[in-house]
Amino acid sequence: MATTWQLQEAKNRFSEVVEEAIKHGPQTVTRHGREAVVVMSIEDYRRLQTPKTTLLECLQVPAQYAVELDLTRDQDMGRALPSFE
């Protein structure tokens, strides 16, 4: 069936829009000829809301790309400040 519905049609046939979303995937509703909202099954919604990875996993670099970093600080204290006496 249709995957795009005009708002008035979607309101009149809301049960059908919901059934189509459950059986065939997200249904787009347009208003004034422009896409406005999407009706989707709760399973599709939850799948979108569940992160695929944790923040820690995102920040970790795969071993094949790992680079050894030298994070020690230079002991040089820089230049001496001028005296204004």
PDB file of N, CA and C in Angstrom:
ATOM      1  N   MET A   1       0.839  -1.199   0.000  1.00  0.00           N
ATOM      2  CA  MET A   1       0.000   0.000   0.000  1.00  0.00           C
ATOM      3  C   MET A   1       0.872   1.247   0.000  1.00  0.00           C
ATOM      4  N   ALA A   2       0.271   2.383   0.126  1.00  0.00           N
ATOM      5  CA  ALA A   2       0.992   3.655   0.077  1.00  0.00           C
ATOM      6  C   ALA A   2       1.942   3.802   1.263  1.00  0.00           C
ATOM      7  N   THR A   3       3.053   4.467   1.021  1.00  0.00           N
ATOM      8  CA  THR A   3       3.959   4.803   2.122  1.00  0.00           C
ATOM      9  C   THR A   3       3.918   6.299   2.386  1.00  0.00           C
ATOM     10  N   THR A   4       3.232   7.045   1.526  1.00  0.00           N
ATOM     11  CA  THR A   4       3.054   8.484   1.725  1.00  0.00           C
ATOM     12  C   THR A   4       1.565   8.787   1.727  1.00  0.00           C
ATOM     13  N   TRP A   5       1.140   9.522   2.742  1.00  0.00           N
ATOM     14  CA  TRP A   5      -0.262   9.853   2.929  1.00  0.00           C
ATOM     15  C   TRP A   5      -0.424  11.352   3.082  1.00  0.00           C
ATOM     16  N   GLN A   6      -1.476  11.900   2.474  1.00  0.00           N
ATOM     17  CA  GLN A   6      -1.822  13.284   2.746  1.00  0.00           C
ATOM     18  C   GLN A   6      -2.453  13.325   4.132  1.00  0.00           C
ATOM     19  N   LEU A   7      -2.258  14.417   4.845  1.00  0.00           N
ATOM     20  CA  LEU A   7      -2.712  14.526   6.223  1.00  0.00           C
ATOM     21  C   LEU A   7      -4.186  14.164   6.387  1.00  0.00           C
ATOM     22  N   GLN A   8      -5.053  14.717   5.561  1.00  0.00           N
ATOM     23  CA  GLN A   8      -6.490  14.456   5.701  1.00  0.00           C
ATOM     24  C   GLN A   8      -6.785  12.973   5.502  1.00  0.00           C
ATOM     25  N   GLU A   9      -6.131  12.356   4.515  1.00  0.00           N
ATOM     26  CA  GLU A   9      -6.330  10.930   4.272  1.00  0.00           C
ATOM     27  C   GLU A   9      -5.799  10.105   5.446  1.00  0.00           C
ATOM     28  N   ALA A  10      -4.657  10.497   5.984  1.00  0.00           N
ATOM     29  CA  ALA A  10      -4.081   9.776   7.126  1.00  0.00           C
ATOM     30  C   ALA A  10      -4.995   9.883   8.342  1.00  0.00           C
ATOM     31  N   LYS A  11      -5.617  11.048   8.543  1.00  0.00           N
ATOM     32  CA  LYS A  11      -6.543  11.205   9.667  1.00  0.00           C
ATOM     33  C   LYS A  11      -7.765  10.310   9.481  1.00  0.00           C
ATOM     34  N   ASN A  12      -8.287  10.269   8.275  1.00  0.00           N
ATOM     35  CA  ASN A  12      -9.488   9.477   7.994  1.00  0.00           C
ATOM     36  C   ASN A  12      -9.225   7.976   8.051  1.00  0.00           C
ATOM     37  N   ARG A  13      -7.985   7.577   7.756  1.00  0.00           N
ATOM     38  CA  ARG A  13      -7.656   6.150   7.684  1.00  0.00           C
ATOM     39  C   ARG A  13      -6.505   5.811   8.627  1.00  0.00           C
ATOM     40  N   PHE A  14      -6.511   6.417   9.811  1.00  0.00           N
ATOM     41  CA  PHE A  14      -5.386   6.273  10.732  1.00  0.00           C
ATOM     42  C   PHE A  14      -5.092   4.816  11.086  1.00  0.00           C
ATOM     43  N   SER A  15      -6.113   4.036  11.319  1.00  0.00           N
ATOM     44  CA  SER A  15      -5.901   2.617  11.646  1.00  0.00           C
ATOM     45  C   SER A  15      -5.146   1.910  10.533  1.00  0.00           C
ATOM     46  N   GLU A  16      -5.473   2.235   9.302  1.00  0.00           N
ATOM     47  CA  GLU A  16      -4.789   1.634   8.156  1.00  0.00           C
ATOM     48  C   GLU A  16      -3.339   2.115   8.073  1.00  0.00           C
ATOM     49  N   VAL A  17      -3.113   3.386   8.360  1.00  0.00           N
ATOM     50  CA  VAL A  17      -1.745   3.922   8.368  1.00  0.00           C
ATOM     51  C   VAL A  17      -0.911   3.174   9.402  1.00  0.00           C
ATOM     52  N   VAL A  18      -1.478   2.964  10.578  1.00  0.00           N
ATOM     53  CA  VAL A  18      -0.771   2.247  11.639  1.00  0.00           C
ATOM     54  C   VAL A  18      -0.487   0.813  11.212  1.00  0.00           C
ATOM     55  N   GLU A  19      -1.462   0.127  10.659  1.00  0.00           N
ATOM     56  CA  GLU A  19      -1.267  -1.262  10.201  1.00  0.00           C
ATOM     57  C   GLU A  19      -0.171  -1.339   9.141  1.00  0.00           C
ATOM     58  N   GLU A  20      -0.178  -0.395   8.217  1.00  0.00           N
ATOM     59  CA  GLU A  20       0.853  -0.371   7.172  1.00  0.00           C
ATOM     60  C   GLU A  20       2.240  -0.141   7.778  1.00  0.00           C
ATOM     61  N   ALA A  21       2.317   0.710   8.782  1.00  0.00           N
ATOM     62  CA  ALA A  21       3.598   0.963   9.446  1.00  0.00           C
ATOM     63  C   ALA A  21       4.107  -0.291  10.135  1.00  0.00           C
ATOM     64  N   ILE A  22       3.211  -1.035  10.747  1.00  0.00           N
ATOM     65  CA  ILE A  22       3.602  -2.272  11.437  1.00  0.00           C
ATOM     66  C   ILE A  22       4.025  -3.343  10.432  1.00  0.00           C
ATOM     67  N   LYS A  23       3.271  -3.477   9.353  1.00  0.00           N
ATOM     68  CA  LYS A  23       3.535  -4.552   8.393  1.00  0.00           C
ATOM     69  C   LYS A  23       4.626  -4.229   7.377  1.00  0.00           C
ATOM     70  N   HIS A  24       4.669  -2.960   6.918  1.00  0.00           N
ATOM     71  CA  HIS A  24       5.528  -2.631   5.780  1.00  0.00           C
ATOM     72  C   HIS A  24       6.555  -1.533   6.040  1.00  0.00           C
ATOM     73  N   GLY A  25       6.607  -1.021   7.254  1.00  0.00           N
ATOM     74  CA  GLY A  25       7.612  -0.002   7.551  1.00  0.00           C
ATOM     75  C   GLY A  25       7.026   1.393   7.662  1.00  0.00           C
ATOM     76  N   PRO A  26       7.892   2.367   7.917  1.00  0.00           N
ATOM     77  CA  PRO A  26       7.461   3.741   8.174  1.00  0.00           C
ATOM     78  C   PRO A  26       6.569   4.323   7.077  1.00  0.00           C
ATOM     79  N   GLN A  27       5.590   5.109   7.519  1.00  0.00           N
ATOM     80  CA  GLN A  27       4.643   5.774   6.635  1.00  0.00           C
ATOM     81  C   GLN A  27       4.813   7.287   6.784  1.00  0.00           C
ATOM     82  N   THR A  28       4.997   7.971   5.681  1.00  0.00           N
ATOM     83  CA  THR A  28       5.198   9.417   5.688  1.00  0.00           C
ATOM     84  C   THR A  28       3.857  10.122   5.521  1.00  0.00           C
ATOM     85  N   VAL A  29       3.645  11.170   6.315  1.00  0.00           N
ATOM     86  CA  VAL A  29       2.426  11.968   6.208  1.00  0.00           C
ATOM     87  C   VAL A  29       2.838  13.368   5.755  1.00  0.00           C
ATOM     88  N   THR A  30       2.159  13.849   4.720  1.00  0.00           N
ATOM     89  CA  THR A  30       2.468  15.179   4.189  1.00  0.00           C
ATOM     90  C   THR A  30       1.394  16.179   4.609  1.00  0.00           C
ATOM     91  N   ARG A  31       1.796  17.430   4.719  1.00  0.00           N
ATOM     92  CA  ARG A  31       0.879  18.534   5.011  1.00  0.00           C
ATOM     93  C   ARG A  31       1.209  19.653   4.047  1.00  0.00           C
ATOM     94  N   HIS A  32       0.233  20.094   3.305  1.00  0.00           N
ATOM     95  CA  HIS A  32       0.419  21.132   2.284  1.00  0.00           C
ATOM     96  C   HIS A  32       1.495  20.717   1.276  1.00  0.00           C
ATOM     97  N   GLY A  33       1.528  19.403   0.957  1.00  0.00           N
ATOM     98  CA  GLY A  33       2.444  18.901  -0.049  1.00  0.00           C
ATOM     99  C   GLY A  33       3.876  18.685   0.422  1.00  0.00           C
ATOM    100  N   ARG A  34       4.134  18.941   1.702  1.00  0.00           N
ATOM    101  CA  ARG A  34       5.489  18.771   2.243  1.00  0.00           C
ATOM    102  C   ARG A  34       5.488  17.693   3.313  1.00  0.00           C
ATOM    103  N   GLU A  35       6.549  16.879   3.346  1.00  0.00           N
ATOM    104  CA  GLU A  35       6.656  15.842   4.362  1.00  0.00           C
ATOM    105  C   GLU A  35       6.616  16.485   5.743  1.00  0.00           C
ATOM    106  N   ALA A  36       5.762  15.940   6.625  1.00  0.00           N
ATOM    107  CA  ALA A  36       5.592  16.539   7.945  1.00  0.00           C
ATOM    108  C   ALA A  36       5.994  15.581   9.070  1.00  0.00           C
ATOM    109  N   VAL A  37       5.507  14.343   9.019  1.00  0.00           N
ATOM    110  CA  VAL A  37       5.784  13.375  10.087  1.00  0.00           C
ATOM    111  C   VAL A  37       5.907  11.983   9.491  1.00  0.00           C
ATOM    112  N   VAL A  38       6.403  11.080  10.343  1.00  0.00           N
ATOM    113  CA  VAL A  38       6.499   9.674   9.967  1.00  0.00           C
ATOM    114  C   VAL A  38       5.816   8.855  11.051  1.00  0.00           C
ATOM    115  N   VAL A  39       4.986   7.918  10.634  1.00  0.00           N
ATOM    116  CA  VAL A  39       4.359   6.967  11.552  1.00  0.00           C
ATOM    117  C   VAL A  39       5.127   5.663  11.387  1.00  0.00           C
ATOM    118  N   MET A  40       5.635   5.138  12.513  1.00  0.00           N
ATOM    119  CA  MET A  40       6.408   3.901  12.439  1.00  0.00           C
ATOM    120  C   MET A  40       6.060   2.983  13.595  1.00  0.00           C
ATOM    121  N   SER A  41       6.401   1.716  13.433  1.00  0.00           N
ATOM    122  CA  SER A  41       6.143   0.746  14.490  1.00  0.00           C
ATOM    123  C   SER A  41       7.048   1.037  15.683  1.00  0.00           C
ATOM    124  N   ILE A  42       6.634   0.582  16.842  1.00  0.00           N
ATOM    125  CA  ILE A  42       7.433   0.782  18.051  1.00  0.00           C
ATOM    126  C   ILE A  42       8.774   0.054  17.934  1.00  0.00           C
ATOM    127  N   GLU A  43       8.790  -1.081  17.243  1.00  0.00           N
ATOM    128  CA  GLU A  43      10.049  -1.813  17.054  1.00  0.00           C
ATOM    129  C   GLU A  43      11.038  -0.980  16.246  1.00  0.00           C
ATOM    130  N   ASP A  44      10.565  -0.359  15.147  1.00  0.00           N
ATOM    131  CA  ASP A  44      11.446   0.498  14.344  1.00  0.00           C
ATOM    132  C   ASP A  44      11.937   1.686  15.167  1.00  0.00           C
ATOM    133  N   TYR A  45      11.035   2.272  15.940  1.00  0.00           N
ATOM    134  CA  TYR A  45      11.397   3.425  16.768  1.00  0.00           C
ATOM    135  C   TYR A  45      12.462   3.047  17.792  1.00  0.00           C
ATOM    136  N   ARG A  46      12.253   1.946  18.487  1.00  0.00           N
ATOM    137  CA  ARG A  46      13.234   1.523  19.503  1.00  0.00           C
ATOM    138  C   ARG A  46      14.580   1.196  18.880  1.00  0.00           C
ATOM    139  N   ARG A  47      14.561   0.607  17.693  1.00  0.00           N
ATOM    140  CA  ARG A  47      15.808   0.295  17.010  1.00  0.00           C
ATOM    141  C   ARG A  47      16.581   1.582  16.702  1.00  0.00           C
ATOM    142  N   LEU A  48      15.879   2.632  16.345  1.00  0.00           N
ATOM    143  CA  LEU A  48      16.516   3.927  16.079  1.00  0.00           C
ATOM    144  C   LEU A  48      17.034   4.567  17.362  1.00  0.00           C
ATOM    145  N   GLN A  49      16.344   4.352  18.476  1.00  0.00           N
ATOM    146  CA  GLN A  49      16.712   4.973  19.734  1.00  0.00           C
ATOM    147  C   GLN A  49      17.857   4.270  20.443  1.00  0.00           C
ATOM    148  N   THR A  50      18.092   3.006  20.140  1.00  0.00           N
ATOM    149  CA  THR A  50      19.135   2.241  20.816  1.00  0.00           C
ATOM    150  C   THR A  50      20.477   2.528  20.167  1.00  0.00           C
ATOM    151  N   PRO A  51      21.435   3.046  20.941  1.00  0.00           N
ATOM    152  CA  PRO A  51      22.750   3.320  20.355  1.00  0.00           C
ATOM    153  C   PRO A  51      23.414   2.021  19.906  1.00  0.00           C
ATOM    154  N   LYS A  52      24.064   2.075  18.774  1.00  0.00           N
ATOM    155  CA  LYS A  52      24.759   0.904  18.254  1.00  0.00           C
ATOM    156  C   LYS A  52      26.034   0.640  19.041  1.00  0.00           C
ATOM    157  N   THR A  53      26.637   1.692  19.556  1.00  0.00           N
ATOM    158  CA  THR A  53      27.860   1.561  20.349  1.00  0.00           C
ATOM    159  C   THR A  53      27.783   2.535  21.521  1.00  0.00           C
ATOM    160  N   THR A  54      28.584   2.271  22.511  1.00  0.00           N
ATOM    161  CA  THR A  54      28.661   3.190  23.646  1.00  0.00           C
ATOM    162  C   THR A  54      29.618   4.318  23.294  1.00  0.00           C
ATOM    163  N   LEU A  55      29.603   5.373  24.083  1.00  0.00           N
ATOM    164  CA  LEU A  55      30.523   6.479  23.867  1.00  0.00           C
ATOM    165  C   LEU A  55      31.964   5.991  23.965  1.00  0.00           C
ATOM    166  N   LEU A  56      32.237   5.137  24.939  1.00  0.00           N
ATOM    167  CA  LEU A  56      33.588   4.611  25.101  1.00  0.00           C
ATOM    168  C   LEU A  56      34.031   3.850  23.855  1.00  0.00           C
ATOM    169  N   GLU A  57      33.148   3.031  23.305  1.00  0.00           N
ATOM    170  CA  GLU A  57      33.486   2.286  22.093  1.00  0.00           C
ATOM    171  C   GLU A  57      33.752   3.224  20.921  1.00  0.00           C
ATOM    172  N   CYS A  58      33.007   4.318  20.857  1.00  0.00           N
ATOM    173  CA  CYS A  58      33.218   5.292  19.781  1.00  0.00           C
ATOM    174  C   CYS A  58      34.574   5.967  19.895  1.00  0.00           C
ATOM    175  N   LEU A  59      35.008   6.197  21.121  1.00  0.00           N
ATOM    176  CA  LEU A  59      36.268   6.910  21.328  1.00  0.00           C
ATOM    177  C   LEU A  59      37.494   6.001  21.215  1.00  0.00           C
ATOM    178  N   GLN A  60      37.294   4.714  21.315  1.00  0.00           N
ATOM    179  CA  GLN A  60      38.426   3.801  21.225  1.00  0.00           C
ATOM    180  C   GLN A  60      38.862   3.646  19.771  1.00  0.00           C
ATOM    181  N   VAL A  61      40.163   3.662  19.569  1.00  0.00           N
ATOM    182  CA  VAL A  61      40.727   3.512  18.237  1.00  0.00           C
ATOM    183  C   VAL A  61      41.015   2.031  18.010  1.00  0.00           C
ATOM    184  N   PRO A  62      40.595   1.487  16.871  1.00  0.00           N
ATOM    185  CA  PRO A  62      40.907   0.087  16.590  1.00  0.00           C
ATOM    186  C   PRO A  62      42.419  -0.144  16.616  1.00  0.00           C
ATOM    187  N   ALA A  63      42.830  -1.313  17.065  1.00  0.00           N
ATOM    188  CA  ALA A  63      44.253  -1.626  17.225  1.00  0.00           C
ATOM    189  C   ALA A  63      45.034  -1.402  15.944  1.00  0.00           C
ATOM    190  N   GLN A  64      44.438  -1.666  14.809  1.00  0.00           N
ATOM    191  CA  GLN A  64      45.155  -1.517  13.549  1.00  0.00           C
ATOM    192  C   GLN A  64      45.501  -0.057  13.244  1.00  0.00           C
ATOM    193  N   TYR A  65      44.800   0.891  13.862  1.00  0.00           N
ATOM    194  CA  TYR A  65      45.070   2.305  13.637  1.00  0.00           C
ATOM    195  C   TYR A  65      45.755   2.963  14.823  1.00  0.00           C
ATOM    196  N   ALA A  66      46.006   2.212  15.867  1.00  0.00           N
ATOM    197  CA  ALA A  66      46.577   2.772  17.089  1.00  0.00           C
ATOM    198  C   ALA A  66      47.970   3.333  16.811  1.00  0.00           C
ATOM    199  N   VAL A  67      48.238   4.477  17.414  1.00  0.00           N
ATOM    200  CA  VAL A  67      49.534   5.137  17.287  1.00  0.00           C
ATOM    201  C   VAL A  67      50.049   5.381  18.697  1.00  0.00           C
ATOM    202  N   GLU A  68      51.305   5.105  18.906  1.00  0.00           N
ATOM    203  CA  GLU A  68      51.902   5.341  20.216  1.00  0.00           C
ATOM    204  C   GLU A  68      52.173   6.838  20.344  1.00  0.00           C
ATOM    205  N   LEU A  69      51.606   7.456  21.354  1.00  0.00           N
ATOM    206  CA  LEU A  69      51.783   8.888  21.566  1.00  0.00           C
ATOM    207  C   LEU A  69      52.736   9.134  22.729  1.00  0.00           C
ATOM    208  N   ASP A  70      53.610  10.101  22.567  1.00  0.00           N
ATOM    209  CA  ASP A  70      54.502  10.509  23.649  1.00  0.00           C
ATOM    210  C   ASP A  70      53.817  11.668  24.367  1.00  0.00           C
ATOM    211  N   LEU A  71      53.289  11.421  25.551  1.00  0.00           N
ATOM    212  CA  LEU A  71      52.535  12.433  26.277  1.00  0.00           C
ATOM    213  C   LEU A  71      53.341  13.058  27.419  1.00  0.00           C
ATOM    214  N   THR A  72      54.649  12.866  27.424  1.00  0.00           N
ATOM    215  CA  THR A  72      55.473  13.491  28.461  1.00  0.00           C
ATOM    216  C   THR A  72      55.671  14.963  28.124  1.00  0.00           C
ATOM    217  N   ARG A  73      55.754  15.793  29.172  1.00  0.00           N
ATOM    218  CA  ARG A  73      55.919  17.230  28.973  1.00  0.00           C
ATOM    219  C   ARG A  73      57.397  17.593  28.949  1.00  0.00           C
ATOM    220  N   ASP A  74      57.715  18.569  28.150  1.00  0.00           N
ATOM    221  CA  ASP A  74      59.070  19.088  28.087  1.00  0.00           C
ATOM    222  C   ASP A  74      59.346  19.827  29.388  1.00  0.00           C
ATOM    223  N   GLN A  75      60.518  19.628  29.970  1.00  0.00           N
ATOM    224  CA  GLN A  75      60.873  20.253  31.242  1.00  0.00           C
ATOM    225  C   GLN A  75      61.362  21.687  31.070  1.00  0.00           C
ATOM    226  N   ASP A  76      61.534  22.147  29.837  1.00  0.00           N
ATOM    227  CA  ASP A  76      61.969  23.520  29.570  1.00  0.00           C
ATOM    228  C   ASP A  76      60.935  24.501  30.150  1.00  0.00           C
ATOM    229  N   MET A  77      61.403  25.440  30.938  1.00  0.00           N
ATOM    230  CA  MET A  77      60.508  26.389  31.587  1.00  0.00           C
ATOM    231  C   MET A  77      60.259  27.636  30.729  1.00  0.00           C
ATOM    232  N   GLY A  78      60.799  27.667  29.534  1.00  0.00           N
ATOM    233  CA  GLY A  78      60.593  28.814  28.661  1.00  0.00           C
ATOM    234  C   GLY A  78      61.602  29.909  28.967  1.00  0.00           C
ATOM    235  N   ARG A  79      61.374  31.083  28.466  1.00  0.00           N
ATOM    236  CA  ARG A  79      62.318  32.177  28.657  1.00  0.00           C
ATOM    237  C   ARG A  79      62.022  32.925  29.947  1.00  0.00           C
ATOM    238  N   ALA A  80      63.031  33.633  30.418  1.00  0.00           N
ATOM    239  CA  ALA A  80      62.885  34.426  31.636  1.00  0.00           C
ATOM    240  C   ALA A  80      62.098  35.685  31.349  1.00  0.00           C
ATOM    241  N   LEU A  81      61.277  36.103  32.303  1.00  0.00           N
ATOM    242  CA  LEU A  81      60.504  37.328  32.142  1.00  0.00           C
ATOM    243  C   LEU A  81      61.407  38.535  32.358  1.00  0.00           C
ATOM    244  N   PRO A  82      61.217  39.596  31.581  1.00  0.00           N
ATOM    245  CA  PRO A  82      62.050  40.794  31.766  1.00  0.00           C
ATOM    246  C   PRO A  82      61.732  41.471  33.099  1.00  0.00           C
ATOM    247  N   SER A  83      62.751  42.101  33.643  1.00  0.00           N
ATOM    248  CA  SER A  83      62.596  42.821  34.906  1.00  0.00           C
ATOM    249  C   SER A  83      62.247  44.280  34.588  1.00  0.00           C
ATOM    250  N   PHE A  84      61.245  44.817  35.255  1.00  0.00           N
ATOM    251  CA  PHE A  84      60.796  46.205  35.012  1.00  0.00           C
ATOM    252  C   PHE A  84      61.128  47.086  36.227  1.00  0.00           C
ATOM    253  N   GLU A  85      62.359  47.024  36.712  1.00  0.00           N
ATOM    254  CA  GLU A  85      62.731  47.847  37.879  1.00  0.00           C
ATOM    255  C   GLU A  85      63.221  49.187  37.492  1.00  0.00           C
TER     256      GLU A  85
END
